[in-house]
PDB file of all heavy atoms in Angstrom:
ATOM      1  N   LEU A   1      75.286  92.239  95.914  1.00  0.00           N
ATOM      2  CA  LEU A   1      76.405  93.180  96.010  1.00  0.00           C
ATOM      3  C   LEU A   1      77.301  93.087  94.772  1.00  0.00           C
ATOM      4  O   LEU A   1      77.779  94.108  94.263  1.00  0.00           O
ATOM      5  CB  LEU A   1      77.222  92.906  97.276  1.00  0.00           C
ATOM      6  CG  LEU A   1      76.540  93.245  98.604  1.00  0.00           C
ATOM      7  CD1 LEU A   1      77.383  92.745  99.772  1.00  0.00           C
ATOM      8  CD2 LEU A   1      76.321  94.756  98.721  1.00  0.00           C
ATOM      9  N   SER A   2      77.541  91.883  94.289  1.00  0.00           N
ATOM     10  CA  SER A   2      78.372  91.706  93.097  1.00  0.00           C
ATOM     11  C   SER A   2      77.749  92.377  91.882  1.00  0.00           C
ATOM     12  O   SER A   2      78.442  93.009  91.072  1.00  0.00           O
ATOM     13  CB  SER A   2      78.579  90.210  92.820  1.00  0.00           C
ATOM     14  OG  SER A   2      79.245  89.582  93.886  1.00  0.00           O
ATOM     15  N   ILE A   3      76.430  92.255  91.757  1.00  0.00           N
ATOM     16  CA  ILE A   3      75.730  92.900  90.638  1.00  0.00           C
ATOM     17  C   ILE A   3      75.802  94.417  90.763  1.00  0.00           C
ATOM     18  O   ILE A   3      75.989  95.135  89.766  1.00  0.00           O
ATOM     19  CB  ILE A   3      74.263  92.431  90.589  1.00  0.00           C
ATOM     20  CG1 ILE A   3      74.193  90.953  90.183  1.00  0.00           C
ATOM     21  CG2 ILE A   3      73.447  93.281  89.617  1.00  0.00           C
ATOM     22  CD1 ILE A   3      72.806  90.350  90.240  1.00  0.00           C
ATOM     23  N   ALA A   4      75.695  94.919  91.988  1.00  0.00           N
ATOM     24  CA  ALA A   4      75.707  96.373  92.198  1.00  0.00           C
ATOM     25  C   ALA A   4      76.982  97.010  91.670  1.00  0.00           C
ATOM     26  O   ALA A   4      76.964  98.135  91.155  1.00  0.00           O
ATOM     27  CB  ALA A   4      75.539  96.689  93.684  1.00  0.00           C
ATOM     28  N   TRP A   5      78.120  96.281  91.776  1.00  0.00           N
ATOM     29  CA  TRP A   5      79.400  96.851  91.349  1.00  0.00           C
ATOM     30  C   TRP A   5      79.510  97.019  89.833  1.00  0.00           C
ATOM     31  O   TRP A   5      80.353  97.789  89.349  1.00  0.00           O
ATOM     32  CB  TRP A   5      80.548  95.975  91.841  1.00  0.00           C
ATOM     33  CG  TRP A   5      80.965  96.280  93.243  1.00  0.00           C
ATOM     34  CD1 TRP A   5      80.594  95.612  94.373  1.00  0.00           C
ATOM     35  CD2 TRP A   5      81.823  97.338  93.675  1.00  0.00           C
ATOM     36  NE1 TRP A   5      81.170  96.193  95.478  1.00  0.00           N
ATOM     37  CE2 TRP A   5      81.937  97.255  95.088  1.00  0.00           C
ATOM     38  CE3 TRP A   5      82.525  98.353  93.020  1.00  0.00           C
ATOM     39  CZ2 TRP A   5      82.705  98.134  95.841  1.00  0.00           C
ATOM     40  CZ3 TRP A   5      83.301  99.231  93.777  1.00  0.00           C
ATOM     41  CH2 TRP A   5      83.383  99.118  95.165  1.00  0.00           C
ATOM     42  N   ILE A   6      78.713  96.307  89.060  1.00  0.00           N
ATOM     43  CA  ILE A   6      78.849  96.395  87.604  1.00  0.00           C
ATOM     44  C   ILE A   6      77.727  97.190  86.952  1.00  0.00           C
ATOM     45  O   ILE A   6      77.673  97.298  85.724  1.00  0.00           O
ATOM     46  CB  ILE A   6      78.898  94.986  86.970  1.00  0.00           C
ATOM     47  CG1 ILE A   6      77.579  94.238  87.201  1.00  0.00           C
ATOM     48  CG2 ILE A   6      80.079  94.199  87.493  1.00  0.00           C
ATOM     49  CD1 ILE A   6      77.486  92.922  86.435  1.00  0.00           C
ATOM     50  N   LEU A   7      76.846  97.773  87.757  1.00  0.00           N
ATOM     51  CA  LEU A   7      75.738  98.542  87.190  1.00  0.00           C
ATOM     52  C   LEU A   7      76.220  99.865  86.608  1.00  0.00           C
ATOM     53  O   LEU A   7      77.259 100.398  86.998  1.00  0.00           O
ATOM     54  CB  LEU A   7      74.672  98.772  88.261  1.00  0.00           C
ATOM     55  CG  LEU A   7      73.924  97.527  88.732  1.00  0.00           C
ATOM     56  CD1 LEU A   7      72.907  97.889  89.805  1.00  0.00           C
ATOM     57  CD2 LEU A   7      73.235  96.824  87.562  1.00  0.00           C
ATOM     58  N   PRO A   8      75.446 100.444  85.684  1.00  0.00           N
ATOM     59  CA  PRO A   8      75.866 101.663  84.976  1.00  0.00           C
ATOM     60  C   PRO A   8      76.099 102.877  85.872  1.00  0.00           C
ATOM     61  O   PRO A   8      76.742 103.834  85.451  1.00  0.00           O
ATOM     62  CB  PRO A   8      74.703 101.929  84.009  1.00  0.00           C
ATOM     63  CG  PRO A   8      74.032 100.620  83.837  1.00  0.00           C
ATOM     64  CD  PRO A   8      74.185  99.910  85.142  1.00  0.00           C
ATOM     65  N   ASN A   9      75.587 102.875  87.117  1.00  0.00           N
ATOM     66  CA  ASN A   9      75.751 104.058  87.960  1.00  0.00           C
ATOM     67  C   ASN A   9      77.209 104.319  88.305  1.00  0.00           C
ATOM     68  O   ASN A   9      77.559 105.400  88.758  1.00  0.00           O
ATOM     69  CB  ASN A   9      74.945 103.914  89.258  1.00  0.00           C
ATOM     70  CG  ASN A   9      75.326 102.690  90.056  1.00  0.00           C
ATOM     71  OD1 ASN A   9      75.173 101.576  89.576  1.00  0.00           O
ATOM     72  ND2 ASN A   9      75.808 102.879  91.263  1.00  0.00           N
ATOM     73  N   TRP A  10      78.092 103.331  88.067  1.00  0.00           N
ATOM     74  CA  TRP A  10      79.520 103.531  88.336  1.00  0.00           C
ATOM     75  C   TRP A  10      80.251 104.138  87.135  1.00  0.00           C
ATOM     76  O   TRP A  10      81.418 104.491  87.238  1.00  0.00           O
ATOM     77  CB  TRP A  10      80.179 102.196  88.681  1.00  0.00           C
ATOM     78  CG  TRP A  10      79.732 101.643  89.986  1.00  0.00           C
ATOM     79  CD1 TRP A  10      78.881 100.587  90.178  1.00  0.00           C
ATOM     80  CD2 TRP A  10      80.065 102.107  91.291  1.00  0.00           C
ATOM     81  NE1 TRP A  10      78.673 100.367  91.511  1.00  0.00           N
ATOM     82  CE2 TRP A  10      79.394 101.282  92.223  1.00  0.00           C
ATOM     83  CE3 TRP A  10      80.875 103.140  91.768  1.00  0.00           C
ATOM     84  CZ2 TRP A  10      79.503 101.455  93.592  1.00  0.00           C
ATOM     85  CZ3 TRP A  10      80.991 103.319  93.138  1.00  0.00           C
ATOM     86  CH2 TRP A  10      80.307 102.485  94.022  1.00  0.00           C
ATOM     87  N   GLN A  11      79.560 104.275  86.010  1.00  0.00           N
ATOM     88  CA  GLN A  11      80.259 104.714  84.809  1.00  0.00           C
ATOM     89  C   GLN A  11      80.748 106.154  84.907  1.00  0.00           C
ATOM     90  O   GLN A  11      81.684 106.542  84.222  1.00  0.00           O
ATOM     91  CB  GLN A  11      79.370 104.543  83.577  1.00  0.00           C
ATOM     92  CG  GLN A  11      79.159 103.071  83.218  1.00  0.00           C
ATOM     93  CD  GLN A  11      78.578 102.898  81.835  1.00  0.00           C
ATOM     94  OE1 GLN A  11      78.724 103.750  80.966  1.00  0.00           O
ATOM     95  NE2 GLN A  11      77.909 101.781  81.629  1.00  0.00           N
ATOM     96  N   ALA A  12      80.126 106.951  85.769  1.00  0.00           N
ATOM     97  CA  ALA A  12      80.614 108.319  85.954  1.00  0.00           C
ATOM     98  C   ALA A  12      82.044 108.323  86.459  1.00  0.00           C
ATOM     99  O   ALA A  12      82.828 109.233  86.182  1.00  0.00           O
ATOM    100  CB  ALA A  12      79.712 109.068  86.936  1.00  0.00           C
ATOM    101  N   LEU A  13      82.422 107.268  87.216  1.00  0.00           N
ATOM    102  CA  LEU A  13      83.790 107.112  87.701  1.00  0.00           C
ATOM    103  C   LEU A  13      84.593 106.175  86.804  1.00  0.00           C
ATOM    104  O   LEU A  13      85.713 105.806  87.120  1.00  0.00           O
ATOM    105  CB  LEU A  13      83.779 106.555  89.132  1.00  0.00           C
ATOM    106  CG  LEU A  13      83.186 107.475  90.198  1.00  0.00           C
ATOM    107  CD1 LEU A  13      83.088 106.729  91.522  1.00  0.00           C
ATOM    108  CD2 LEU A  13      84.011 108.736  90.361  1.00  0.00           C
ATOM    109  N   LYS A  14      83.997 105.768  85.672  1.00  0.00           N
ATOM    110  CA  LYS A  14      84.615 104.831  84.730  1.00  0.00           C
ATOM    111  C   LYS A  14      84.932 103.493  85.396  1.00  0.00           C
ATOM    112  O   LYS A  14      85.872 102.794  85.030  1.00  0.00           O
ATOM    113  CB  LYS A  14      85.884 105.445  84.095  1.00  0.00           C
ATOM    114  CG  LYS A  14      85.595 106.670  83.235  1.00  0.00           C
ATOM    115  CD  LYS A  14      86.838 107.119  82.506  1.00  0.00           C
ATOM    116  CE  LYS A  14      86.562 108.367  81.661  1.00  0.00           C
ATOM    117  NZ  LYS A  14      85.609 108.138  80.604  1.00  0.00           N
ATOM    118  N   PHE A  15      84.140 103.107  86.406  1.00  0.00           N
ATOM    119  CA  PHE A  15      84.382 101.850  87.083  1.00  0.00           C
ATOM    120  C   PHE A  15      83.940 100.666  86.236  1.00  0.00           C
ATOM    121  O   PHE A  15      84.097  99.529  86.648  1.00  0.00           O
ATOM    122  CB  PHE A  15      83.662 101.815  88.429  1.00  0.00           C
ATOM    123  CG  PHE A  15      84.455 102.461  89.531  1.00  0.00           C
ATOM    124  CD1 PHE A  15      85.539 103.274  89.256  1.00  0.00           C
ATOM    125  CD2 PHE A  15      84.114 102.247  90.853  1.00  0.00           C
ATOM    126  CE1 PHE A  15      86.274 103.866  90.259  1.00  0.00           C
ATOM    127  CE2 PHE A  15      84.834 102.832  91.880  1.00  0.00           C
ATOM    128  CZ  PHE A  15      85.918 103.653  91.568  1.00  0.00           C
ATOM    129  N   SER A  16      83.363 100.931  85.066  1.00  0.00           N
ATOM    130  CA  SER A  16      83.012  99.820  84.183  1.00  0.00           C
ATOM    131  C   SER A  16      84.233  99.335  83.406  1.00  0.00           C
ATOM    132  O   SER A  16      84.137  98.378  82.659  1.00  0.00           O
ATOM    133  CB  SER A  16      81.921 100.259  83.203  1.00  0.00           C
ATOM    134  OG  SER A  16      82.375 101.328  82.399  1.00  0.00           O
ATOM    135  N   GLN A  17      85.386  99.989  83.587  1.00  0.00           N
ATOM    136  CA  GLN A  17      86.610  99.606  82.901  1.00  0.00           C
ATOM    137  C   GLN A  17      87.496  98.831  83.869  1.00  0.00           C
ATOM    138  O   GLN A  17      87.730  99.265  84.998  1.00  0.00           O
ATOM    139  CB  GLN A  17      87.342 100.846  82.371  1.00  0.00           C
ATOM    140  CG  GLN A  17      86.527 101.636  81.360  1.00  0.00           C
ATOM    141  CD  GLN A  17      87.230 102.903  80.911  1.00  0.00           C
ATOM    142  OE1 GLN A  17      88.386 103.132  81.246  1.00  0.00           O
ATOM    143  NE2 GLN A  17      86.536 103.731  80.153  1.00  0.00           N
ATOM    144  N   TRP A  18      88.030  97.698  83.416  1.00  0.00           N
ATOM    145  CA  TRP A  18      88.800  96.817  84.285  1.00  0.00           C
ATOM    146  C   TRP A  18      89.930  97.559  84.979  1.00  0.00           C
ATOM    147  O   TRP A  18      90.122  97.432  86.193  1.00  0.00           O
ATOM    148  CB  TRP A  18      89.362  95.660  83.452  1.00  0.00           C
ATOM    149  CG  TRP A  18      90.072  94.617  84.274  1.00  0.00           C
ATOM    150  CD1 TRP A  18      89.524  93.506  84.831  1.00  0.00           C
ATOM    151  CD2 TRP A  18      91.458  94.588  84.615  1.00  0.00           C
ATOM    152  NE1 TRP A  18      90.477  92.789  85.515  1.00  0.00           N
ATOM    153  CE2 TRP A  18      91.673  93.433  85.390  1.00  0.00           C
ATOM    154  CE3 TRP A  18      92.545  95.430  84.344  1.00  0.00           C
ATOM    155  CZ2 TRP A  18      92.926  93.087  85.895  1.00  0.00           C
ATOM    156  CZ3 TRP A  18      93.787  95.097  84.853  1.00  0.00           C
ATOM    157  CH2 TRP A  18      93.970  93.936  85.612  1.00  0.00           C
ATOM    158  N   GLY A  19      90.704  98.354  84.236  1.00  0.00           N
ATOM    159  CA  GLY A  19      91.875  99.009  84.795  1.00  0.00           C
ATOM    160  C   GLY A  19      91.563  99.991  85.901  1.00  0.00           C
ATOM    161  O   GLY A  19      92.438 100.326  86.706  1.00  0.00           O
ATOM    162  N   VAL A  20      90.337 100.515  85.969  1.00  0.00           N
ATOM    163  CA  VAL A  20      89.959 101.450  87.035  1.00  0.00           C
ATOM    164  C   VAL A  20      89.305 100.696  88.187  1.00  0.00           C
ATOM    165  O   VAL A  20      89.587 100.950  89.358  1.00  0.00           O
ATOM    166  CB  VAL A  20      88.989 102.529  86.494  1.00  0.00           C
ATOM    167  CG1 VAL A  20      88.605 103.498  87.607  1.00  0.00           C
ATOM    168  CG2 VAL A  20      89.637 103.292  85.342  1.00  0.00           C
ATOM    169  N   LEU A  21      88.460  99.743  87.852  1.00  0.00           N
ATOM    170  CA  LEU A  21      87.740  99.005  88.886  1.00  0.00           C
ATOM    171  C   LEU A  21      88.689  98.243  89.798  1.00  0.00           C
ATOM    172  O   LEU A  21      88.484  98.187  91.015  1.00  0.00           O
ATOM    173  CB  LEU A  21      86.749  98.037  88.232  1.00  0.00           C
ATOM    174  CG  LEU A  21      85.827  97.227  89.161  1.00  0.00           C
ATOM    175  CD1 LEU A  21      85.067  98.167  90.092  1.00  0.00           C
ATOM    176  CD2 LEU A  21      84.875  96.386  88.337  1.00  0.00           C
ATOM    177  N   ILE A  22      89.781  97.685  89.237  1.00  0.00           N
ATOM    178  CA  ILE A  22      90.691  96.909  90.085  1.00  0.00           C
ATOM    179  C   ILE A  22      91.426  97.810  91.076  1.00  0.00           C
ATOM    180  O   ILE A  22      91.857  97.350  92.132  1.00  0.00           O
ATOM    181  CB  ILE A  22      91.688  96.069  89.257  1.00  0.00           C
ATOM    182  CG1 ILE A  22      92.450  96.912  88.255  1.00  0.00           C
ATOM    183  CG2 ILE A  22      90.967  94.924  88.585  1.00  0.00           C
ATOM    184  CD1 ILE A  22      93.754  97.436  88.775  1.00  0.00           C
ATOM    185  N   GLY A  23      91.581  99.104  90.764  1.00  0.00           N
ATOM    186  CA  GLY A  23      92.180 100.011  91.739  1.00  0.00           C
ATOM    187  C   GLY A  23      91.324 100.129  92.983  1.00  0.00           C
ATOM    188  O   GLY A  23      91.827 100.137  94.118  1.00  0.00           O
ATOM    189  N   ALA A  24      90.008 100.210  92.779  1.00  0.00           N
ATOM    190  CA  ALA A  24      89.082 100.289  93.912  1.00  0.00           C
ATOM    191  C   ALA A  24      89.087  98.993  94.705  1.00  0.00           C
ATOM    192  O   ALA A  24      89.089  99.000  95.942  1.00  0.00           O
ATOM    193  CB  ALA A  24      87.670 100.594  93.407  1.00  0.00           C
ATOM    194  N   VAL A  25      89.113  97.866  94.016  1.00  0.00           N
ATOM    195  CA  VAL A  25      89.121  96.571  94.691  1.00  0.00           C
ATOM    196  C   VAL A  25      90.401  96.401  95.506  1.00  0.00           C
ATOM    197  O   VAL A  25      90.376  95.945  96.653  1.00  0.00           O
ATOM    198  CB  VAL A  25      88.997  95.430  93.668  1.00  0.00           C
ATOM    199  CG1 VAL A  25      89.113  94.078  94.364  1.00  0.00           C
ATOM    200  CG2 VAL A  25      87.686  95.531  92.924  1.00  0.00           C
ATOM    201  N   THR A  26      91.549  96.776  94.906  1.00  0.00           N
ATOM    202  CA  THR A  26      92.825  96.640  95.596  1.00  0.00           C
ATOM    203  C   THR A  26      92.851  97.441  96.880  1.00  0.00           C
ATOM    204  O   THR A  26      93.217  96.940  97.951  1.00  0.00           O
ATOM    205  CB  THR A  26      93.976  97.081  94.684  1.00  0.00           C
ATOM    206  OG1 THR A  26      94.007  96.267  93.513  1.00  0.00           O
ATOM    207  CG2 THR A  26      95.316  96.963  95.405  1.00  0.00           C
ATOM    208  N   SER A  27      92.454  98.711  96.791  1.00  0.00           N
ATOM    209  CA  SER A  27      92.491  99.575  97.973  1.00  0.00           C
ATOM    210  C   SER A  27      91.522  99.074  99.041  1.00  0.00           C
ATOM    211  O   SER A  27      91.861  99.015 100.232  1.00  0.00           O
ATOM    212  CB  SER A  27      92.142 101.013  97.594  1.00  0.00           C
ATOM    213  OG  SER A  27      92.360 101.890  98.679  1.00  0.00           O
ATOM    214  N   ALA A  28      90.315  98.679  98.636  1.00  0.00           N
ATOM    215  CA  ALA A  28      89.333  98.183  99.599  1.00  0.00           C
ATOM    216  C   ALA A  28      89.830  96.921 100.281  1.00  0.00           C
ATOM    217  O   ALA A  28      89.663  96.738 101.500  1.00  0.00           O
ATOM    218  CB  ALA A  28      88.002  97.910  98.896  1.00  0.00           C
ATOM    219  N   THR A  29      90.468  96.033  99.523  1.00  0.00           N
ATOM    220  CA  THR A  29      90.963  94.787 100.095  1.00  0.00           C
ATOM    221  C   THR A  29      92.101  95.040 101.074  1.00  0.00           C
ATOM    222  O   THR A  29      92.141  94.457 102.161  1.00  0.00           O
ATOM    223  CB  THR A  29      91.433  93.835  98.988  1.00  0.00           C
ATOM    224  OG1 THR A  29      90.377  93.647  98.043  1.00  0.00           O
ATOM    225  CG2 THR A  29      91.836  92.491  99.562  1.00  0.00           C
ATOM    226  N   VAL A  30      93.031  95.912 100.699  1.00  0.00           N
ATOM    227  CA  VAL A  30      94.172  96.168 101.577  1.00  0.00           C
ATOM    228  C   VAL A  30      93.741  96.961 102.808  1.00  0.00           C
ATOM    229  O   VAL A  30      94.371  96.866 103.862  1.00  0.00           O
ATOM    230  CB  VAL A  30      95.307  96.877 100.801  1.00  0.00           C
ATOM    231  CG1 VAL A  30      96.498  97.155 101.711  1.00  0.00           C
ATOM    232  CG2 VAL A  30      95.759  96.008  99.633  1.00  0.00           C
ATOM    233  N   LEU A  31      92.666  97.736 102.708  1.00  0.00           N
ATOM    234  CA  LEU A  31      92.102  98.364 103.903  1.00  0.00           C
ATOM    235  C   LEU A  31      91.652  97.297 104.904  1.00  0.00           C
ATOM    236  O   LEU A  31      91.611  97.531 106.114  1.00  0.00           O
ATOM    237  CB  LEU A  31      90.916  99.260 103.539  1.00  0.00           C
ATOM    238  CG  LEU A  31      91.260 100.652 102.994  1.00  0.00           C
ATOM    239  CD1 LEU A  31      90.018 101.335 102.437  1.00  0.00           C
ATOM    240  CD2 LEU A  31      91.903 101.517 104.065  1.00  0.00           C
ATOM    241  N   THR A  32      91.314  96.114 104.396  1.00  0.00           N
ATOM    242  CA  THR A  32      90.994  94.979 105.261  1.00  0.00           C
ATOM    243  C   THR A  32      92.264  94.336 105.810  1.00  0.00           C
ATOM    244  O   THR A  32      92.359  94.019 106.991  1.00  0.00           O
ATOM    245  CB  THR A  32      90.197  93.924 104.476  1.00  0.00           C
ATOM    246  OG1 THR A  32      89.024  94.526 103.926  1.00  0.00           O
ATOM    247  CG2 THR A  32      89.785  92.782 105.365  1.00  0.00           C
ATOM    248  N   TYR A  33      93.269  94.169 104.941  1.00  0.00           N
ATOM    249  CA  TYR A  33      94.495  93.469 105.322  1.00  0.00           C
ATOM    250  C   TYR A  33      95.369  94.243 106.299  1.00  0.00           C
ATOM    251  O   TYR A  33      96.052  93.657 107.127  1.00  0.00           O
ATOM    252  CB  TYR A  33      95.350  93.198 104.087  1.00  0.00           C
ATOM    253  CG  TYR A  33      94.808  92.203 103.119  1.00  0.00           C
ATOM    254  CD1 TYR A  33      95.360  92.065 101.859  1.00  0.00           C
ATOM    255  CD2 TYR A  33      93.738  91.381 103.441  1.00  0.00           C
ATOM    256  CE1 TYR A  33      94.888  91.143 100.952  1.00  0.00           C
ATOM    257  CE2 TYR A  33      93.248  90.466 102.543  1.00  0.00           C
ATOM    258  CZ  TYR A  33      93.825  90.349 101.296  1.00  0.00           C
ATOM    259  OH  TYR A  33      93.339  89.443 100.402  1.00  0.00           O
ATOM    260  N   MET A  34      95.376  95.573 106.167  1.00  0.00           N
ATOM    261  CA  MET A  34      96.418  96.358 106.831  1.00  0.00           C
ATOM    262  C   MET A  34      96.368  96.235 108.345  1.00  0.00           C
ATOM    263  O   MET A  34      97.371  96.459 109.024  1.00  0.00           O
ATOM    264  CB  MET A  34      96.335  97.829 106.391  1.00  0.00           C
ATOM    265  CG  MET A  34      95.054  98.544 106.725  1.00  0.00           C
ATOM    266  SD  MET A  34      95.036  99.211 108.385  1.00  0.00           S
ATOM    267  CE  MET A  34      93.359  99.821 108.481  1.00  0.00           C
ATOM    268  N   ILE A  35      95.238  95.858 108.932  1.00  0.00           N
ATOM    269  CA  ILE A  35      95.150  95.736 110.384  1.00  0.00           C
ATOM    270  C   ILE A  35      95.711  94.404 110.879  1.00  0.00           C
ATOM    271  O   ILE A  35      95.955  94.231 112.079  1.00  0.00           O
ATOM    272  CB  ILE A  35      93.696  95.917 110.864  1.00  0.00           C
ATOM    273  CG1 ILE A  35      93.668  96.243 112.363  1.00  0.00           C
ATOM    274  CG2 ILE A  35      92.859  94.701 110.541  1.00  0.00           C
ATOM    275  CD1 ILE A  35      92.302  96.602 112.882  1.00  0.00           C
ATOM    276  N   GLY A  36      95.966  93.465 109.978  1.00  0.00           N
ATOM    277  CA  GLY A  36      96.500  92.166 110.373  1.00  0.00           C
ATOM    278  C   GLY A  36      97.781  92.248 111.190  1.00  0.00           C
ATOM    279  O   GLY A  36      97.896  91.611 112.245  1.00  0.00           O
TER     280      GLY A  36
END
């Protein structure tokens, strides 16, 4: 799963750039936290 996130298929969304990828990680993580 970790390798899948860095593969070139995400480049269409520019997810290969740190500043964009962390937005996806933040939202996905807080989607986990918010039910706490």
